[in-house]
Amino acid sequence: MTSCKMTSSKMTSSKMTVSKMTASDNARVGRTLFVAVTGLVLLSGAAAAGREDTLEANREILRQRIEQGRYSGQLTRAEYRRLQAEEAKIDADIKRALDDGRLSRREYEKLHDEQIAAYRHVHADASNTHVSWWRQWLYRTR
């Protein structure tokens, strides 16, 4: 704590140093502040771009899972159509969220939750006992 105590002579000298900042010092502080603010803006933009990429990757995975379930026969025609409609709704929500040019954290979380729910629906429909008619026929004729 002794290093924190200042004598009156030191205090006056530090005040003089602060008041004697030159124009170049002010410009340097201004540049430093500008660089810091610009960096924060770019980082927040990069995070938003990362969220968009994540949503796009999740959307592609969801499409592949639905198509794989349909081609393997694990999804009936009605289940497939219902999942396609849910996927179309999510796509429309993503497009609506990106209309203003940025994706807020709240929008991202809402869309991500919708995608997780769709994944669960695909899994539930693919693992239930409903099987498409042609898959049943294939198993009977083997």
N, C-alpha and C. Protein backbone atom coordinates (compact mmCIF):
# COMPACT_ATOMS: atom_id res chain seq x y z
N MET A 1 0.80 -1.20 0.00
CA MET A 1 0.00 0.00 0.00
C MET A 1 0.84 1.26 0.00
N THR A 2 2.08 1.16 0.37
CA THR A 2 2.92 2.36 0.40
C THR A 2 3.16 2.91 -1.00
N SER A 3 3.10 2.06 -2.03
CA SER A 3 3.32 2.55 -3.38
C SER A 3 2.14 3.37 -3.90
N CYS A 4 0.98 3.21 -3.28
CA CYS A 4 -0.19 3.96 -3.71
C CYS A 4 -0.22 5.37 -3.16
N LYS A 5 0.51 5.60 -2.06
CA LYS A 5 0.51 6.94 -1.47
C LYS A 5 1.40 7.85 -2.29
N MET A 6 0.88 9.01 -2.57
CA MET A 6 1.64 9.97 -3.37
C MET A 6 1.85 11.23 -2.55
N THR A 7 2.97 11.80 -2.68
CA THR A 7 3.22 13.08 -2.03
C THR A 7 2.62 14.19 -2.88
N SER A 8 2.46 15.30 -2.33
CA SER A 8 1.84 16.41 -3.05
C SER A 8 2.70 16.85 -4.23
N SER A 9 4.03 16.72 -4.14
CA SER A 9 4.87 17.13 -5.25
C SER A 9 4.70 16.20 -6.45
N LYS A 10 4.54 14.88 -6.18
CA LYS A 10 4.32 13.95 -7.28
C LYS A 10 2.95 14.17 -7.92
N MET A 11 1.98 14.48 -7.09
CA MET A 11 0.64 14.69 -7.60
C MET A 11 0.60 15.88 -8.55
N THR A 12 1.25 16.92 -8.21
CA THR A 12 1.26 18.09 -9.08
C THR A 12 2.03 17.81 -10.36
N SER A 13 3.09 17.02 -10.27
CA SER A 13 3.83 16.73 -11.49
C SER A 13 3.01 15.84 -12.43
N SER A 14 2.21 14.91 -11.90
CA SER A 14 1.38 14.08 -12.77
C SER A 14 0.27 14.89 -13.39
N LYS A 15 -0.25 15.86 -12.67
CA LYS A 15 -1.27 16.73 -13.25
C LYS A 15 -0.69 17.54 -14.39
N MET A 16 0.51 17.97 -14.22
CA MET A 16 1.15 18.75 -15.27
C MET A 16 1.39 17.90 -16.51
N THR A 17 1.71 16.62 -16.32
CA THR A 17 1.96 15.75 -17.45
C THR A 17 0.69 15.54 -18.25
N VAL A 18 -0.42 15.34 -17.56
CA VAL A 18 -1.68 15.12 -18.23
C VAL A 18 -2.10 16.37 -19.00
N SER A 19 -1.92 17.53 -18.40
CA SER A 19 -2.36 18.75 -19.06
C SER A 19 -1.46 19.15 -20.22
N LYS A 20 -0.25 18.60 -20.28
CA LYS A 20 0.68 18.96 -21.33
C LYS A 20 0.67 17.95 -22.48
N MET A 21 -0.45 17.26 -22.70
CA MET A 21 -0.52 16.33 -23.83
C MET A 21 -0.52 17.13 -25.12
N THR A 22 0.27 16.69 -26.04
CA THR A 22 0.38 17.39 -27.32
C THR A 22 -0.70 16.89 -28.28
N ALA A 23 -0.78 17.53 -29.39
CA ALA A 23 -1.75 17.14 -30.41
C ALA A 23 -1.46 15.75 -30.94
N SER A 24 -0.19 15.40 -31.05
CA SER A 24 0.15 14.06 -31.54
C SER A 24 -0.26 12.98 -30.53
N ASP A 25 -0.17 13.30 -29.23
CA ASP A 25 -0.62 12.36 -28.21
C ASP A 25 -2.13 12.16 -28.31
N ASN A 26 -2.85 13.25 -28.49
CA ASN A 26 -4.31 13.15 -28.65
C ASN A 26 -4.68 12.33 -29.87
N ALA A 27 -3.94 12.53 -30.95
CA ALA A 27 -4.21 11.78 -32.17
C ALA A 27 -3.93 10.30 -31.97
N ARG A 28 -2.86 9.99 -31.23
CA ARG A 28 -2.52 8.59 -30.98
C ARG A 28 -3.61 7.92 -30.13
N VAL A 29 -4.11 8.63 -29.13
CA VAL A 29 -5.19 8.08 -28.30
C VAL A 29 -6.45 7.89 -29.15
N GLY A 30 -6.71 8.85 -30.02
CA GLY A 30 -7.87 8.74 -30.90
C GLY A 30 -7.76 7.56 -31.85
N ARG A 31 -6.57 7.35 -32.41
CA ARG A 31 -6.35 6.20 -33.30
C ARG A 31 -6.51 4.89 -32.55
N THR A 32 -5.98 4.83 -31.35
CA THR A 32 -6.08 3.61 -30.54
C THR A 32 -7.54 3.30 -30.24
N LEU A 33 -8.29 4.32 -29.88
CA LEU A 33 -9.71 4.13 -29.61
C LEU A 33 -10.44 3.70 -30.86
N PHE A 34 -10.12 4.30 -32.00
CA PHE A 34 -10.76 3.93 -33.26
C PHE A 34 -10.47 2.48 -33.62
N VAL A 35 -9.22 2.05 -33.45
CA VAL A 35 -8.85 0.67 -33.76
C VAL A 35 -9.58 -0.30 -32.84
N ALA A 36 -9.70 0.04 -31.57
CA ALA A 36 -10.38 -0.84 -30.61
C ALA A 36 -11.86 -0.97 -30.96
N VAL A 37 -12.51 0.15 -31.27
CA VAL A 37 -13.93 0.11 -31.61
C VAL A 37 -14.15 -0.64 -32.92
N THR A 38 -13.30 -0.40 -33.90
CA THR A 38 -13.41 -1.10 -35.18
C THR A 38 -13.24 -2.60 -35.00
N GLY A 39 -12.28 -2.98 -34.17
CA GLY A 39 -12.08 -4.40 -33.89
C GLY A 39 -13.30 -5.05 -33.26
N LEU A 40 -13.92 -4.35 -32.33
CA LEU A 40 -15.12 -4.90 -31.69
C LEU A 40 -16.26 -5.04 -32.70
N VAL A 41 -16.41 -4.06 -33.55
CA VAL A 41 -17.47 -4.13 -34.57
C VAL A 41 -17.22 -5.29 -35.52
N LEU A 42 -15.98 -5.46 -35.95
CA LEU A 42 -15.66 -6.57 -36.86
C LEU A 42 -15.86 -7.92 -36.19
N LEU A 43 -15.48 -8.02 -34.92
CA LEU A 43 -15.67 -9.28 -34.21
C LEU A 43 -17.15 -9.61 -34.05
N SER A 44 -17.96 -8.61 -33.76
CA SER A 44 -19.39 -8.89 -33.64
C SER A 44 -19.97 -9.27 -34.99
N GLY A 45 -19.47 -8.66 -36.07
CA GLY A 45 -19.92 -9.05 -37.41
C GLY A 45 -19.49 -10.46 -37.76
N ALA A 46 -18.28 -10.84 -37.34
CA ALA A 46 -17.80 -12.19 -37.60
C ALA A 46 -18.62 -13.21 -36.82
N ALA A 47 -19.02 -12.86 -35.60
CA ALA A 47 -19.86 -13.77 -34.82
C ALA A 47 -21.21 -13.95 -35.49
N ALA A 48 -21.77 -12.86 -36.03
CA ALA A 48 -23.05 -12.97 -36.72
C ALA A 48 -22.91 -13.82 -37.98
N ALA A 49 -21.80 -13.65 -38.70
CA ALA A 49 -21.57 -14.47 -39.89
C ALA A 49 -21.41 -15.93 -39.50
N GLY A 50 -20.76 -16.18 -38.38
CA GLY A 50 -20.62 -17.55 -37.89
C GLY A 50 -21.96 -18.18 -37.56
N ARG A 51 -22.86 -17.37 -37.00
CA ARG A 51 -24.20 -17.88 -36.68
C ARG A 51 -24.95 -18.23 -37.96
N GLU A 52 -24.81 -17.39 -38.99
CA GLU A 52 -25.48 -17.67 -40.26
C GLU A 52 -24.95 -18.96 -40.87
N ASP A 53 -23.63 -19.15 -40.80
CA ASP A 53 -23.03 -20.37 -41.34
C ASP A 53 -23.51 -21.59 -40.57
N THR A 54 -23.65 -21.46 -39.27
CA THR A 54 -24.13 -22.58 -38.45
C THR A 54 -25.56 -22.94 -38.83
N LEU A 55 -26.41 -21.93 -39.00
CA LEU A 55 -27.80 -22.21 -39.38
C LEU A 55 -27.86 -22.88 -40.75
N GLU A 56 -27.02 -22.41 -41.67
CA GLU A 56 -27.01 -23.00 -43.01
C GLU A 56 -26.54 -24.45 -42.96
N ALA A 57 -25.52 -24.73 -42.18
CA ALA A 57 -25.02 -26.11 -42.05
C ALA A 57 -26.09 -27.01 -41.41
N ASN A 58 -26.74 -26.50 -40.38
CA ASN A 58 -27.80 -27.28 -39.72
C ASN A 58 -28.95 -27.55 -40.68
N ARG A 59 -29.27 -26.55 -41.51
CA ARG A 59 -30.37 -26.71 -42.47
C ARG A 59 -30.03 -27.81 -43.47
N GLU A 60 -28.79 -27.86 -43.93
CA GLU A 60 -28.38 -28.89 -44.89
C GLU A 60 -28.40 -30.28 -44.25
N ILE A 61 -27.96 -30.37 -43.01
CA ILE A 61 -27.99 -31.66 -42.30
C ILE A 61 -29.42 -32.14 -42.12
N LEU A 62 -30.32 -31.21 -41.79
CA LEU A 62 -31.73 -31.57 -41.62
C LEU A 62 -32.31 -32.09 -42.93
N ARG A 63 -32.00 -31.41 -44.04
CA ARG A 63 -32.49 -31.88 -45.35
C ARG A 63 -32.00 -33.28 -45.65
N GLN A 64 -30.72 -33.53 -45.39
CA GLN A 64 -30.16 -34.85 -45.66
C GLN A 64 -30.80 -35.93 -44.80
N ARG A 65 -31.08 -35.60 -43.55
CA ARG A 65 -31.70 -36.59 -42.67
C ARG A 65 -33.12 -36.92 -43.13
N ILE A 66 -33.84 -35.92 -43.57
CA ILE A 66 -35.21 -36.15 -44.05
C ILE A 66 -35.18 -37.01 -45.31
N GLU A 67 -34.32 -36.65 -46.25
CA GLU A 67 -34.23 -37.42 -47.50
C GLU A 67 -33.77 -38.84 -47.25
N GLN A 68 -32.81 -39.02 -46.35
CA GLN A 68 -32.33 -40.37 -46.04
C GLN A 68 -33.44 -41.20 -45.43
N GLY A 69 -34.25 -40.60 -44.56
CA GLY A 69 -35.37 -41.32 -43.96
C GLY A 69 -36.42 -41.70 -44.99
N ARG A 70 -36.63 -40.84 -45.95
CA ARG A 70 -37.62 -41.13 -47.00
C ARG A 70 -37.12 -42.24 -47.92
N TYR A 71 -35.85 -42.15 -48.34
CA TYR A 71 -35.33 -43.16 -49.26
C TYR A 71 -35.15 -44.52 -48.59
N SER A 72 -34.89 -44.53 -47.30
CA SER A 72 -34.74 -45.82 -46.61
C SER A 72 -36.09 -46.42 -46.25
N GLY A 73 -37.15 -45.63 -46.35
CA GLY A 73 -38.48 -46.13 -46.04
C GLY A 73 -38.86 -45.96 -44.59
N GLN A 74 -38.03 -45.34 -43.79
CA GLN A 74 -38.35 -45.13 -42.38
C GLN A 74 -39.42 -44.08 -42.19
N LEU A 75 -39.62 -43.22 -43.17
CA LEU A 75 -40.66 -42.19 -43.10
C LEU A 75 -41.76 -42.51 -44.09
N THR A 76 -42.98 -42.41 -43.64
CA THR A 76 -44.11 -42.58 -44.56
C THR A 76 -44.27 -41.30 -45.37
N ARG A 77 -45.12 -41.36 -46.37
CA ARG A 77 -45.34 -40.19 -47.21
C ARG A 77 -45.89 -39.02 -46.40
N ALA A 78 -46.82 -39.30 -45.49
CA ALA A 78 -47.40 -38.23 -44.67
C ALA A 78 -46.35 -37.63 -43.73
N GLU A 79 -45.52 -38.46 -43.12
CA GLU A 79 -44.47 -37.96 -42.24
C GLU A 79 -43.47 -37.11 -43.03
N TYR A 80 -43.13 -37.60 -44.21
CA TYR A 80 -42.19 -36.88 -45.07
C TYR A 80 -42.73 -35.50 -45.43
N ARG A 81 -43.98 -35.43 -45.82
CA ARG A 81 -44.59 -34.15 -46.20
C ARG A 81 -44.67 -33.20 -45.01
N ARG A 82 -45.00 -33.73 -43.84
CA ARG A 82 -45.09 -32.89 -42.64
C ARG A 82 -43.70 -32.34 -42.28
N LEU A 83 -42.68 -33.17 -42.39
CA LEU A 83 -41.32 -32.71 -42.10
C LEU A 83 -40.83 -31.71 -43.14
N GLN A 84 -41.23 -31.91 -44.40
CA GLN A 84 -40.88 -30.94 -45.45
C GLN A 84 -41.52 -29.59 -45.17
N ALA A 85 -42.78 -29.60 -44.72
CA ALA A 85 -43.47 -28.36 -44.39
C ALA A 85 -42.78 -27.66 -43.21
N GLU A 86 -42.36 -28.44 -42.22
CA GLU A 86 -41.65 -27.86 -41.08
C GLU A 86 -40.32 -27.26 -41.53
N GLU A 87 -39.64 -27.94 -42.42
CA GLU A 87 -38.38 -27.43 -42.96
C GLU A 87 -38.60 -26.14 -43.74
N ALA A 88 -39.67 -26.08 -44.52
CA ALA A 88 -39.99 -24.87 -45.29
C ALA A 88 -40.29 -23.70 -44.36
N LYS A 89 -40.97 -23.98 -43.23
CA LYS A 89 -41.26 -22.93 -42.26
C LYS A 89 -39.96 -22.40 -41.66
N ILE A 90 -39.04 -23.28 -41.33
CA ILE A 90 -37.75 -22.86 -40.77
C ILE A 90 -36.98 -22.02 -41.80
N ASP A 91 -37.00 -22.45 -43.07
CA ASP A 91 -36.33 -21.69 -44.13
C ASP A 91 -36.92 -20.28 -44.25
N ALA A 92 -38.24 -20.19 -44.18
CA ALA A 92 -38.89 -18.88 -44.27
C ALA A 92 -38.53 -18.01 -43.06
N ASP A 93 -38.45 -18.63 -41.87
CA ASP A 93 -38.07 -17.88 -40.67
C ASP A 93 -36.63 -17.37 -40.78
N ILE A 94 -35.74 -18.18 -41.33
CA ILE A 94 -34.34 -17.76 -41.50
C ILE A 94 -34.28 -16.59 -42.48
N LYS A 95 -35.01 -16.69 -43.58
CA LYS A 95 -35.01 -15.62 -44.58
C LYS A 95 -35.57 -14.34 -43.97
N ARG A 96 -36.63 -14.45 -43.19
CA ARG A 96 -37.22 -13.27 -42.55
C ARG A 96 -36.26 -12.64 -41.55
N ALA A 97 -35.52 -13.50 -40.82
CA ALA A 97 -34.58 -12.97 -39.83
C ALA A 97 -33.41 -12.26 -40.50
N LEU A 98 -33.03 -12.69 -41.69
CA LEU A 98 -31.89 -12.09 -42.39
C LEU A 98 -32.29 -10.93 -43.30
N ASP A 99 -33.57 -10.59 -43.36
CA ASP A 99 -34.02 -9.50 -44.23
C ASP A 99 -33.38 -8.17 -43.86
N ASP A 100 -33.14 -7.93 -42.58
CA ASP A 100 -32.55 -6.66 -42.18
C ASP A 100 -31.02 -6.65 -42.30
N GLY A 101 -30.44 -7.75 -42.74
CA GLY A 101 -29.00 -7.79 -42.98
C GLY A 101 -28.18 -8.28 -41.81
N ARG A 102 -28.77 -8.48 -40.67
CA ARG A 102 -28.03 -9.00 -39.53
C ARG A 102 -28.89 -9.99 -38.76
N LEU A 103 -28.23 -10.84 -38.02
CA LEU A 103 -28.90 -11.88 -37.25
C LEU A 103 -28.57 -11.66 -35.78
N SER A 104 -29.57 -11.25 -35.01
CA SER A 104 -29.32 -11.00 -33.60
C SER A 104 -29.20 -12.33 -32.85
N ARG A 105 -28.69 -12.24 -31.66
CA ARG A 105 -28.53 -13.45 -30.84
C ARG A 105 -29.89 -14.07 -30.54
N ARG A 106 -30.89 -13.25 -30.27
CA ARG A 106 -32.23 -13.76 -29.96
C ARG A 106 -32.83 -14.49 -31.17
N GLU A 107 -32.66 -13.90 -32.37
CA GLU A 107 -33.15 -14.55 -33.58
C GLU A 107 -32.43 -15.88 -33.82
N TYR A 108 -31.11 -15.87 -33.61
CA TYR A 108 -30.33 -17.09 -33.80
C TYR A 108 -30.80 -18.18 -32.84
N GLU A 109 -30.99 -17.84 -31.57
CA GLU A 109 -31.41 -18.84 -30.59
C GLU A 109 -32.79 -19.40 -30.93
N LYS A 110 -33.70 -18.54 -31.39
CA LYS A 110 -35.04 -19.00 -31.76
C LYS A 110 -34.96 -19.96 -32.95
N LEU A 111 -34.19 -19.58 -33.96
CA LEU A 111 -34.06 -20.43 -35.14
C LEU A 111 -33.34 -21.74 -34.81
N HIS A 112 -32.33 -21.67 -33.98
CA HIS A 112 -31.60 -22.88 -33.59
C HIS A 112 -32.51 -23.83 -32.81
N ASP A 113 -33.34 -23.28 -31.93
CA ASP A 113 -34.30 -24.11 -31.19
C ASP A 113 -35.30 -24.78 -32.13
N GLU A 114 -35.74 -24.05 -33.17
CA GLU A 114 -36.64 -24.64 -34.16
C GLU A 114 -35.96 -25.80 -34.89
N GLN A 115 -34.68 -25.61 -35.22
CA GLN A 115 -33.95 -26.68 -35.91
C GLN A 115 -33.77 -27.90 -35.02
N ILE A 116 -33.49 -27.68 -33.75
CA ILE A 116 -33.34 -28.81 -32.81
C ILE A 116 -34.66 -29.56 -32.70
N ALA A 117 -35.77 -28.83 -32.63
CA ALA A 117 -37.08 -29.49 -32.56
C ALA A 117 -37.35 -30.30 -33.83
N ALA A 118 -36.94 -29.76 -34.98
CA ALA A 118 -37.13 -30.49 -36.24
C ALA A 118 -36.28 -31.77 -36.26
N TYR A 119 -35.05 -31.69 -35.74
CA TYR A 119 -34.21 -32.90 -35.64
C TYR A 119 -34.92 -33.97 -34.81
N ARG A 120 -35.50 -33.53 -33.71
CA ARG A 120 -36.20 -34.47 -32.83
C ARG A 120 -37.41 -35.08 -33.53
N HIS A 121 -38.12 -34.27 -34.32
CA HIS A 121 -39.27 -34.79 -35.05
C HIS A 121 -38.84 -35.83 -36.09
N VAL A 122 -37.74 -35.56 -36.78
CA VAL A 122 -37.24 -36.51 -37.77
C VAL A 122 -36.88 -37.82 -37.08
N HIS A 123 -36.19 -37.73 -35.96
CA HIS A 123 -35.80 -38.94 -35.24
C HIS A 123 -37.02 -39.71 -34.75
N ALA A 124 -37.99 -38.99 -34.20
CA ALA A 124 -39.19 -39.66 -33.68
C ALA A 124 -39.97 -40.34 -34.81
N ASP A 125 -40.10 -39.66 -35.94
CA ASP A 125 -40.85 -40.24 -37.05
C ASP A 125 -40.09 -41.39 -37.70
N ALA A 126 -38.78 -41.30 -37.75
CA ALA A 126 -38.00 -42.37 -38.38
C ALA A 126 -37.91 -43.60 -37.50
N SER A 127 -38.03 -43.43 -36.20
CA SER A 127 -37.88 -44.58 -35.31
C SER A 127 -39.20 -45.14 -34.80
N ASN A 128 -40.33 -44.60 -35.27
CA ASN A 128 -41.61 -45.17 -34.85
C ASN A 128 -41.91 -46.43 -35.67
N THR A 129 -43.02 -47.06 -35.41
CA THR A 129 -43.32 -48.33 -36.07
C THR A 129 -44.00 -48.15 -37.42
N HIS A 130 -44.29 -46.92 -37.81
CA HIS A 130 -44.91 -46.70 -39.12
C HIS A 130 -43.86 -46.86 -40.20
N VAL A 131 -44.15 -47.72 -41.15
CA VAL A 131 -43.21 -47.99 -42.23
C VAL A 131 -43.96 -47.82 -43.53
N SER A 132 -43.30 -47.30 -44.53
CA SER A 132 -43.96 -47.09 -45.82
C SER A 132 -44.38 -48.43 -46.42
N TRP A 133 -45.41 -48.40 -47.26
CA TRP A 133 -45.99 -49.63 -47.80
C TRP A 133 -44.99 -50.41 -48.63
N TRP A 134 -44.15 -49.71 -49.39
CA TRP A 134 -43.22 -50.45 -50.25
C TRP A 134 -42.11 -51.10 -49.44
N ARG A 135 -41.77 -50.50 -48.28
CA ARG A 135 -40.78 -51.15 -47.43
C ARG A 135 -41.35 -52.43 -46.83
N GLN A 136 -42.62 -52.38 -46.44
CA GLN A 136 -43.27 -53.59 -45.93
C GLN A 136 -43.31 -54.65 -47.02
N TRP A 137 -43.60 -54.23 -48.23
CA TRP A 137 -43.66 -55.18 -49.33
C TRP A 137 -42.29 -55.80 -49.59
N LEU A 138 -41.24 -54.98 -49.52
CA LEU A 138 -39.89 -55.50 -49.73
C LEU A 138 -39.53 -56.57 -48.69
N TYR A 139 -39.90 -56.34 -47.43
CA TYR A 139 -39.58 -57.30 -46.39
C TYR A 139 -40.41 -58.57 -46.53
N ARG A 140 -41.62 -58.48 -47.01
CA ARG A 140 -42.47 -59.66 -47.18
C ARG A 140 -42.00 -60.53 -48.34
N THR A 141 -41.43 -59.90 -49.36
CA THR A 141 -41.05 -60.67 -50.54
C THR A 141 -39.63 -61.23 -50.48
N ARG A 142 -38.91 -60.95 -49.46
CA ARG A 142 -37.53 -61.47 -49.36
C ARG A 142 -37.51 -62.89 -48.91
